């Protein structure tokens, strides 16, 4: 039955494209588990981009938008309902007491910086949003964390699926066998590499701009003789022009 639902979700993505991406990311971030893992769905989106049906960059942005809206809804529900609501309905969204306590310990120990870290931890993404709502963590912190993590996560899987092309299913099976901790390590490493490349490129651009500015500043000003010669040339051109008119 789960395989049938997974096939149905793939068909939903194929038929409705960006709308389907937004809905799936929204639903999952709102706490409703899906039979198709998040990363597999995004790899399939990348495969659709490989076929030319979707734009990979736009798909990553839409996925991030859906995740942001879904987490906002879950955050508001957790903030209003508090822990009693989570105790009553948590099992329906696969948020156990153990996961909730673990996420709460991380947030309590590390403060705001723990939100993006916990969201990258397998099994704690949804629980972290709930804990942030229960503990009244500033939504600005949650929002920045969701957007940052979702951008990295979405772009990684979409572009990986696009790069694998017709072999995307083999890639998905390989990552499932490797386990989510291995996947997380790969995503973090890729994100660090891209960040370092961006910082190096920015530094090189800044150095180039500084070198150009120093070159301009080091050019000597024209001497009195150069200015006099230029004025004589201009006067000569004006005399020739006057002669032509006469």
C-alpha atoms as a PDB file:
ATOM      1  CA  UNK A   1       0.000   0.000   0.000  1.00  0.00           C
ATOM      2  CA  UNK A   2       2.826   2.397   0.857  1.00  0.00           C
ATOM      3  CA  UNK A   3       4.431   1.693  -2.519  1.00  0.00           C
ATOM      4  CA  UNK A   4       1.142   2.550  -4.225  1.00  0.00           C
ATOM      5  CA  UNK A   5       0.991   5.826  -2.311  1.00  0.00           C
ATOM      6  CA  UNK A   6       4.595   6.584  -3.258  1.00  0.00           C
ATOM      7  CA  UNK A   7       3.775   5.967  -6.923  1.00  0.00           C
ATOM      8  CA  UNK A   8       0.749   8.228  -6.552  1.00  0.00           C
ATOM      9  CA  UNK A   9       2.917  11.015  -5.148  1.00  0.00           C
ATOM     10  CA  UNK A  10       5.374  10.660  -8.039  1.00  0.00           C
ATOM     11  CA  UNK A  11       2.474  10.951 -10.440  1.00  0.00           C
ATOM     12  CA  UNK A  12       1.233  13.997  -8.529  1.00  0.00           C
ATOM     13  CA  UNK A  13       4.645  15.630  -8.989  1.00  0.00           C
ATOM     14  CA  UNK A  14       4.683  14.764 -12.686  1.00  0.00           C
ATOM     15  CA  UNK A  15       1.191  16.135 -13.356  1.00  0.00           C
ATOM     16  CA  UNK A  16       1.247  19.280 -11.209  1.00  0.00           C
ATOM     17  CA  UNK A  17       4.929  20.272 -11.073  1.00  0.00           C
ATOM     18  CA  UNK A  18       5.663  23.284  -8.882  1.00  0.00           C
ATOM     19  CA  UNK A  19       2.264  23.209  -7.161  1.00  0.00           C
ATOM     20  CA  UNK A  20       2.858  19.591  -6.164  1.00  0.00           C
ATOM     21  CA  UNK A  21       6.341  20.438  -4.833  1.00  0.00           C
ATOM     22  CA  UNK A  22       4.905  23.200  -2.661  1.00  0.00           C
ATOM     23  CA  UNK A  23       2.065  21.010  -1.352  1.00  0.00           C
ATOM     24  CA  UNK A  24       4.299  18.054  -0.491  1.00  0.00           C
ATOM     25  CA  UNK A  25       6.866  20.189   1.323  1.00  0.00           C
ATOM     26  CA  UNK A  26       4.122  22.115   3.120  1.00  0.00           C
ATOM     27  CA  UNK A  27       2.338  18.967   4.279  1.00  0.00           C
ATOM     28  CA  UNK A  28       5.490  17.276   5.528  1.00  0.00           C
ATOM     29  CA  UNK A  29       6.780  20.350   7.380  1.00  0.00           C
ATOM     30  CA  UNK A  30       3.335  20.796   8.924  1.00  0.00           C
ATOM     31  CA  UNK A  31       3.925  17.441  10.596  1.00  0.00           C
ATOM     32  CA  UNK A  32       2.056  14.968   8.381  1.00  0.00           C
ATOM     33  CA  UNK A  33       4.359  12.071   7.422  1.00  0.00           C
ATOM     34  CA  UNK A  34       4.473  11.015   3.775  1.00  0.00           C
ATOM     35  CA  UNK A  35       5.166   7.523   2.376  1.00  0.00           C
ATOM     36  CA  UNK A  36       7.737   9.024   0.002  1.00  0.00           C
ATOM     37  CA  UNK A  37      10.846  10.304   1.876  1.00  0.00           C
ATOM     38  CA  UNK A  38      11.584  13.986   1.482  1.00  0.00           C
ATOM     39  CA  UNK A  39      14.929  13.448  -0.240  1.00  0.00           C
ATOM     40  CA  UNK A  40      13.517  10.872  -2.666  1.00  0.00           C
ATOM     41  CA  UNK A  41      10.718  13.243  -3.686  1.00  0.00           C
ATOM     42  CA  UNK A  42      13.244  16.017  -4.320  1.00  0.00           C
ATOM     43  CA  UNK A  43      15.486  13.682  -6.321  1.00  0.00           C
ATOM     44  CA  UNK A  44      12.491  12.826  -8.480  1.00  0.00           C
ATOM     45  CA  UNK A  45      11.905  16.558  -8.953  1.00  0.00           C
ATOM     46  CA  UNK A  46      15.517  16.766 -10.111  1.00  0.00           C
ATOM     47  CA  UNK A  47      14.828  13.970 -12.575  1.00  0.00           C
ATOM     48  CA  UNK A  48      11.889  15.962 -13.964  1.00  0.00           C
ATOM     49  CA  UNK A  49      14.283  18.921 -14.325  1.00  0.00           C
ATOM     50  CA  UNK A  50      16.687  16.613 -16.182  1.00  0.00           C
ATOM     51  CA  UNK A  51      13.855  15.825 -18.609  1.00  0.00           C
ATOM     52  CA  UNK A  52      13.276  19.546 -19.134  1.00  0.00           C
ATOM     53  CA  UNK A  53       9.845  19.593 -17.459  1.00  0.00           C
ATOM     54  CA  UNK A  54      10.916  21.775 -14.521  1.00  0.00           C
ATOM     55  CA  UNK A  55      13.595  24.317 -13.713  1.00  0.00           C
ATOM     56  CA  UNK A  56      15.870  22.921 -10.980  1.00  0.00           C
ATOM     57  CA  UNK A  57      16.597  26.279  -9.314  1.00  0.00           C
ATOM     58  CA  UNK A  58      12.948  27.337  -9.295  1.00  0.00           C
ATOM     59  CA  UNK A  59      11.959  23.927  -7.933  1.00  0.00           C
ATOM     60  CA  UNK A  60      14.417  24.381  -5.052  1.00  0.00           C
ATOM     61  CA  UNK A  61      12.925  27.788  -4.243  1.00  0.00           C
ATOM     62  CA  UNK A  62       9.361  26.422  -4.349  1.00  0.00           C
ATOM     63  CA  UNK A  63      10.356  23.539  -2.056  1.00  0.00           C
ATOM     64  CA  UNK A  64      11.886  26.025   0.391  1.00  0.00           C
ATOM     65  CA  UNK A  65       8.746  28.174   0.290  1.00  0.00           C
ATOM     66  CA  UNK A  66       6.528  25.159   0.978  1.00  0.00           C
ATOM     67  CA  UNK A  67       8.745  24.048   3.874  1.00  0.00           C
ATOM     68  CA  UNK A  68       8.714  27.557   5.341  1.00  0.00           C
ATOM     69  CA  UNK A  69       4.929  27.853   5.214  1.00  0.00           C
ATOM     70  CA  UNK A  70       4.424  24.354   6.636  1.00  0.00           C
ATOM     71  CA  UNK A  71       6.796  24.923   9.532  1.00  0.00           C
ATOM     72  CA  UNK A  72       5.123  28.282  10.255  1.00  0.00           C
ATOM     73  CA  UNK A  73       1.765  26.526  10.649  1.00  0.00           C
ATOM     74  CA  UNK A  74       3.231  23.826  12.896  1.00  0.00           C
ATOM     75  CA  UNK A  75       5.064  26.463  14.976  1.00  0.00           C
ATOM     76  CA  UNK A  76       1.854  28.437  15.550  1.00  0.00           C
ATOM     77  CA  UNK A  77      -0.092  25.290  16.492  1.00  0.00           C
ATOM     78  CA  UNK A  78       2.614  24.239  18.963  1.00  0.00           C
ATOM     79  CA  UNK A  79       2.836  27.733  20.446  1.00  0.00           C
ATOM     80  CA  UNK A  80      -0.909  27.957  21.024  1.00  0.00           C
ATOM     81  CA  UNK A  81      -1.553  24.346  22.062  1.00  0.00           C
ATOM     82  CA  UNK A  82       1.588  23.806  24.102  1.00  0.00           C
ATOM     83  CA  UNK A  83       2.898  20.497  25.292  1.00  0.00           C
ATOM     84  CA  UNK A  84      -0.507  18.983  26.230  1.00  0.00           C
ATOM     85  CA  UNK A  85      -1.577  19.184  22.576  1.00  0.00           C
ATOM     86  CA  UNK A  86       1.633  17.478  21.456  1.00  0.00           C
ATOM     87  CA  UNK A  87       1.205  14.724  24.063  1.00  0.00           C
ATOM     88  CA  UNK A  88      -2.282  14.088  22.784  1.00  0.00           C
ATOM     89  CA  UNK A  89      -1.664  14.120  19.016  1.00  0.00           C
ATOM     90  CA  UNK A  90       2.110  13.720  18.695  1.00  0.00           C
ATOM     91  CA  UNK A  91       1.909  10.039  17.826  1.00  0.00           C
ATOM     92  CA  UNK A  92      -0.159  10.906  14.757  1.00  0.00           C
ATOM     93  CA  UNK A  93       2.743  12.863  13.288  1.00  0.00           C
ATOM     94  CA  UNK A  94       5.441  10.452  14.524  1.00  0.00           C
ATOM     95  CA  UNK A  95       6.691  12.832  17.221  1.00  0.00           C
ATOM     96  CA  UNK A  96       7.422  10.612  20.216  1.00  0.00           C
ATOM     97  CA  UNK A  97       8.076  11.768  23.765  1.00  0.00           C
ATOM     98  CA  UNK A  98      11.706  10.713  23.345  1.00  0.00           C
ATOM     99  CA  UNK A  99      12.196  12.856  20.249  1.00  0.00           C
ATOM    100  CA  UNK A 100      10.448  15.792  21.863  1.00  0.00           C
ATOM    101  CA  UNK A 101      12.625  15.591  24.982  1.00  0.00           C
ATOM    102  CA  UNK A 102      15.776  15.237  22.884  1.00  0.00           C
ATOM    103  CA  UNK A 103      14.930  18.291  20.787  1.00  0.00           C
ATOM    104  CA  UNK A 104      14.047  20.260  23.926  1.00  0.00           C
ATOM    105  CA  UNK A 105      17.412  19.425  25.536  1.00  0.00           C
ATOM    106  CA  UNK A 106      19.275  20.581  22.430  1.00  0.00           C
ATOM    107  CA  UNK A 107      17.348  23.872  22.229  1.00  0.00           C
ATOM    108  CA  UNK A 108      17.678  24.520  25.966  1.00  0.00           C
ATOM    109  CA  UNK A 109      21.430  23.857  25.931  1.00  0.00           C
ATOM    110  CA  UNK A 110      22.500  25.718  22.793  1.00  0.00           C
ATOM    111  CA  UNK A 111      19.822  28.371  22.419  1.00  0.00           C
ATOM    112  CA  UNK A 112      18.917  29.854  18.992  1.00  0.00           C
ATOM    113  CA  UNK A 113      21.940  28.321  17.210  1.00  0.00           C
ATOM    114  CA  UNK A 114      20.528  24.884  18.012  1.00  0.00           C
ATOM    115  CA  UNK A 115      17.524  25.336  15.709  1.00  0.00           C
ATOM    116  CA  UNK A 116      19.358  24.885  12.375  1.00  0.00           C
ATOM    117  CA  UNK A 117      21.567  22.152  13.871  1.00  0.00           C
ATOM    118  CA  UNK A 118      18.607  20.197  15.213  1.00  0.00           C
ATOM    119  CA  UNK A 119      16.698  20.603  11.947  1.00  0.00           C
ATOM    120  CA  UNK A 120      19.568  18.878  10.159  1.00  0.00           C
ATOM    121  CA  UNK A 121      19.507  16.005  12.664  1.00  0.00           C
ATOM    122  CA  UNK A 122      17.629  12.947  11.329  1.00  0.00           C
ATOM    123  CA  UNK A 123      14.322  12.502  13.120  1.00  0.00           C
ATOM    124  CA  UNK A 124      14.374  15.898  14.871  1.00  0.00           C
ATOM    125  CA  UNK A 125      13.305  18.305  12.121  1.00  0.00           C
ATOM    126  CA  UNK A 126       9.599  18.314  12.936  1.00  0.00           C
ATOM    127  CA  UNK A 127      10.155  17.922  16.682  1.00  0.00           C
ATOM    128  CA  UNK A 128      12.455  20.964  16.662  1.00  0.00           C
ATOM    129  CA  UNK A 129       9.758  23.177  15.160  1.00  0.00           C
ATOM    130  CA  UNK A 130       7.296  21.947  17.776  1.00  0.00           C
ATOM    131  CA  UNK A 131       9.721  22.544  20.654  1.00  0.00           C
ATOM    132  CA  UNK A 132      10.509  26.022  19.318  1.00  0.00           C
ATOM    133  CA  UNK A 133       6.789  26.814  19.440  1.00  0.00           C
ATOM    134  CA  UNK A 134       6.274  25.338  22.904  1.00  0.00           C
ATOM    135  CA  UNK A 135       9.285  27.225  24.313  1.00  0.00           C
ATOM    136  CA  UNK A 136       8.246  30.458  22.557  1.00  0.00           C
ATOM    137  CA  UNK A 137      11.506  30.723  20.644  1.00  0.00           C
ATOM    138  CA  UNK A 138      11.451  33.854  18.468  1.00  0.00           C
ATOM    139  CA  UNK A 139       9.901  33.014  15.119  1.00  0.00           C
ATOM    140  CA  UNK A 140      12.569  35.112  13.389  1.00  0.00           C
ATOM    141  CA  UNK A 141      15.129  32.551  14.560  1.00  0.00           C
ATOM    142  CA  UNK A 142      12.944  29.677  13.390  1.00  0.00           C
ATOM    143  CA  UNK A 143      12.253  31.366  10.058  1.00  0.00           C
ATOM    144  CA  UNK A 144      15.924  32.002   9.278  1.00  0.00           C
ATOM    145  CA  UNK A 145      16.783  28.425  10.265  1.00  0.00           C
ATOM    146  CA  UNK A 146      14.028  26.897   8.144  1.00  0.00           C
ATOM    147  CA  UNK A 147      14.911  28.957   5.080  1.00  0.00           C
ATOM    148  CA  UNK A 148      18.660  28.348   5.393  1.00  0.00           C
ATOM    149  CA  UNK A 149      18.435  24.606   6.007  1.00  0.00           C
ATOM    150  CA  UNK A 150      15.664  24.075   3.445  1.00  0.00           C
ATOM    151  CA  UNK A 151      17.590  25.922   0.737  1.00  0.00           C
ATOM    152  CA  UNK A 152      20.672  23.753   1.241  1.00  0.00           C
ATOM    153  CA  UNK A 153      18.636  20.554   1.556  1.00  0.00           C
ATOM    154  CA  UNK A 154      16.317  21.213  -1.390  1.00  0.00           C
ATOM    155  CA  UNK A 155      18.993  22.414  -3.803  1.00  0.00           C
ATOM    156  CA  UNK A 156      21.257  19.493  -2.946  1.00  0.00           C
ATOM    157  CA  UNK A 157      18.680  16.798  -3.646  1.00  0.00           C
ATOM    158  CA  UNK A 158      17.100  18.465  -6.670  1.00  0.00           C
ATOM    159  CA  UNK A 159      20.435  19.031  -8.377  1.00  0.00           C
ATOM    160  CA  UNK A 160      21.627  15.555  -7.425  1.00  0.00           C
ATOM    161  CA  UNK A 161      18.551  14.038  -9.061  1.00  0.00           C
ATOM    162  CA  UNK A 162      19.134  16.194 -12.114  1.00  0.00           C
ATOM    163  CA  UNK A 163      22.791  15.136 -12.310  1.00  0.00           C
ATOM    164  CA  UNK A 164      21.907  11.426 -12.003  1.00  0.00           C
ATOM    165  CA  UNK A 165      19.238  11.690 -14.707  1.00  0.00           C
ATOM    166  CA  UNK A 166      17.827   8.288 -15.637  1.00  0.00           C
ATOM    167  CA  UNK A 167      19.775   6.706 -12.772  1.00  0.00           C
ATOM    168  CA  UNK A 168      18.086   8.765 -10.059  1.00  0.00           C
ATOM    169  CA  UNK A 169      16.338   5.698  -8.583  1.00  0.00           C
ATOM    170  CA  UNK A 170      19.666   3.913  -8.154  1.00  0.00           C
ATOM    171  CA  UNK A 171      20.991   6.981  -6.375  1.00  0.00           C
ATOM    172  CA  UNK A 172      17.948   7.122  -4.085  1.00  0.00           C
ATOM    173  CA  UNK A 173      18.332   3.442  -3.166  1.00  0.00           C
ATOM    174  CA  UNK A 174      22.046   3.941  -2.472  1.00  0.00           C
ATOM    175  CA  UNK A 175      21.384   6.822  -0.084  1.00  0.00           C
ATOM    176  CA  UNK A 176      18.606   4.897   1.652  1.00  0.00           C
ATOM    177  CA  UNK A 177      21.020   2.015   2.279  1.00  0.00           C
ATOM    178  CA  UNK A 178      23.694   4.422   3.520  1.00  0.00           C
ATOM    179  CA  UNK A 179      21.334   5.771   6.147  1.00  0.00           C
ATOM    180  CA  UNK A 180      20.282   9.306   6.989  1.00  0.00           C
ATOM    181  CA  UNK A 181      23.339  10.118   9.074  1.00  0.00           C
ATOM    182  CA  UNK A 182      25.579   9.382   6.093  1.00  0.00           C
ATOM    183  CA  UNK A 183      23.324  11.486   3.901  1.00  0.00           C
ATOM    184  CA  UNK A 184      23.465  14.328   6.420  1.00  0.00           C
ATOM    185  CA  UNK A 185      27.273  14.171   6.467  1.00  0.00           C
ATOM    186  CA  UNK A 186      27.385  14.406   2.661  1.00  0.00           C
ATOM    187  CA  UNK A 187      24.966  17.354   2.590  1.00  0.00           C
ATOM    188  CA  UNK A 188      26.951  19.225   5.255  1.00  0.00           C
ATOM    189  CA  UNK A 189      30.254  18.591   3.453  1.00  0.00           C
ATOM    190  CA  UNK A 190      28.834  19.818   0.136  1.00  0.00           C
ATOM    191  CA  UNK A 191      27.364  22.897   1.848  1.00  0.00           C
ATOM    192  CA  UNK A 192      30.739  23.689   3.460  1.00  0.00           C
ATOM    193  CA  UNK A 193      32.561  23.263   0.134  1.00  0.00           C
ATOM    194  CA  UNK A 194      30.112  25.584  -1.637  1.00  0.00           C
ATOM    195  CA  UNK A 195      30.391  28.139   1.186  1.00  0.00           C
ATOM    196  CA  UNK A 196      34.193  28.077   1.041  1.00  0.00           C
ATOM    197  CA  UNK A 197      34.140  28.481  -2.747  1.00  0.00           C
ATOM    198  CA  UNK A 198      31.784  31.443  -2.433  1.00  0.00           C
ATOM    199  CA  UNK A 199      33.949  33.072   0.240  1.00  0.00           C
ATOM    200  CA  UNK A 200      37.129  32.576  -1.836  1.00  0.00           C
ATOM    201  CA  UNK A 201      35.442  34.002  -4.922  1.00  0.00           C
ATOM    202  CA  UNK A 202      34.233  36.986  -2.925  1.00  0.00           C
ATOM    203  CA  UNK A 203      37.728  37.542  -1.520  1.00  0.00           C
ATOM    204  CA  UNK A 204      39.291  37.390  -5.011  1.00  0.00           C
ATOM    205  CA  UNK A 205      36.731  39.879  -6.322  1.00  0.00           C
ATOM    206  CA  UNK A 206      37.454  42.241  -3.420  1.00  0.00           C
ATOM    207  CA  UNK A 207      41.214  41.961  -3.969  1.00  0.00           C
ATOM    208  CA  UNK A 208      40.802  42.661  -7.697  1.00  0.00           C
ATOM    209  CA  UNK A 209      38.706  45.754  -6.948  1.00  0.00           C
ATOM    210  CA  UNK A 210      41.306  46.955  -4.420  1.00  0.00           C
ATOM    211  CA  UNK A 211      44.118  46.461  -6.938  1.00  0.00           C
ATOM    212  CA  UNK A 212      42.262  48.490  -9.570  1.00  0.00           C
ATOM    213  CA  UNK A 213      41.631  51.290  -7.063  1.00  0.00           C
ATOM    214  CA  UNK A 214      45.293  51.349  -6.037  1.00  0.00           C
ATOM    215  CA  UNK A 215      46.365  51.499  -9.688  1.00  0.00           C
ATOM    216  CA  UNK A 216      44.095  54.459 -10.329  1.00  0.00           C
ATOM    217  CA  UNK A 217      45.326  56.244  -7.216  1.00  0.00           C
ATOM    218  CA  UNK A 218      48.974  55.630  -8.138  1.00  0.00           C
ATOM    219  CA  UNK A 219      48.708  57.252 -11.590  1.00  0.00           C
ATOM    220  CA  UNK A 220      50.698  60.544 -11.408  1.00  0.00           C
ATOM    221  CA  UNK A 221      48.788  63.776 -12.089  1.00  0.00           C
ATOM    222  CA  UNK A 222      49.592  65.546 -15.358  1.00  0.00           C
ATOM    223  CA  UNK A 223      52.572  67.937 -15.169  1.00  0.00           C
ATOM    224  CA  UNK A 224      52.454  71.651 -16.018  1.00  0.00           C
ATOM    225  CA  UNK A 225      54.180  70.926 -19.345  1.00  0.00           C
ATOM    226  CA  UNK A 226      51.578  68.292 -20.254  1.00  0.00           C
ATOM    227  CA  UNK A 227      48.757  70.691 -19.447  1.00  0.00           C
ATOM    228  CA  UNK A 228      50.358  73.468 -21.542  1.00  0.00           C
ATOM    229  CA  UNK A 229      50.886  71.130 -24.512  1.00  0.00           C
ATOM    230  CA  UNK A 230      47.267  69.992 -24.299  1.00  0.00           C
ATOM    231  CA  UNK A 231      46.021  73.594 -24.223  1.00  0.00           C
ATOM    232  CA  UNK A 232      48.149  74.454 -27.285  1.00  0.00           C
ATOM    233  CA  UNK A 233      46.717  71.474 -29.177  1.00  0.00           C
ATOM    234  CA  UNK A 234      43.176  72.524 -28.312  1.00  0.00           C
ATOM    235  CA  UNK A 235      43.876  76.129 -29.408  1.00  0.00           C
ATOM    236  CA  UNK A 236      45.341  74.846 -32.661  1.00  0.00           C
ATOM    237  CA  UNK A 237      42.199  72.782 -33.362  1.00  0.00           C
ATOM    238  CA  UNK A 238      40.021  75.820 -32.655  1.00  0.00           C
ATOM    239  CA  UNK A 239      42.115  78.001 -35.053  1.00  0.00           C
ATOM    240  CA  UNK A 240      41.781  75.410 -37.809  1.00  0.00           C
ATOM    241  CA  UNK A 241      38.038  75.193 -37.234  1.00  0.00           C
ATOM    242  CA  UNK A 242      37.744  79.030 -37.426  1.00  0.00           C
ATOM    243  CA  UNK A 243      39.712  79.074 -40.672  1.00  0.00           C
ATOM    244  CA  UNK A 244      37.398  76.498 -42.210  1.00  0.00           C
ATOM    245  CA  UNK A 245      34.337  78.614 -41.422  1.00  0.00           C
ATOM    246  CA  UNK A 246      35.914  81.704 -43.091  1.00  0.00           C
END
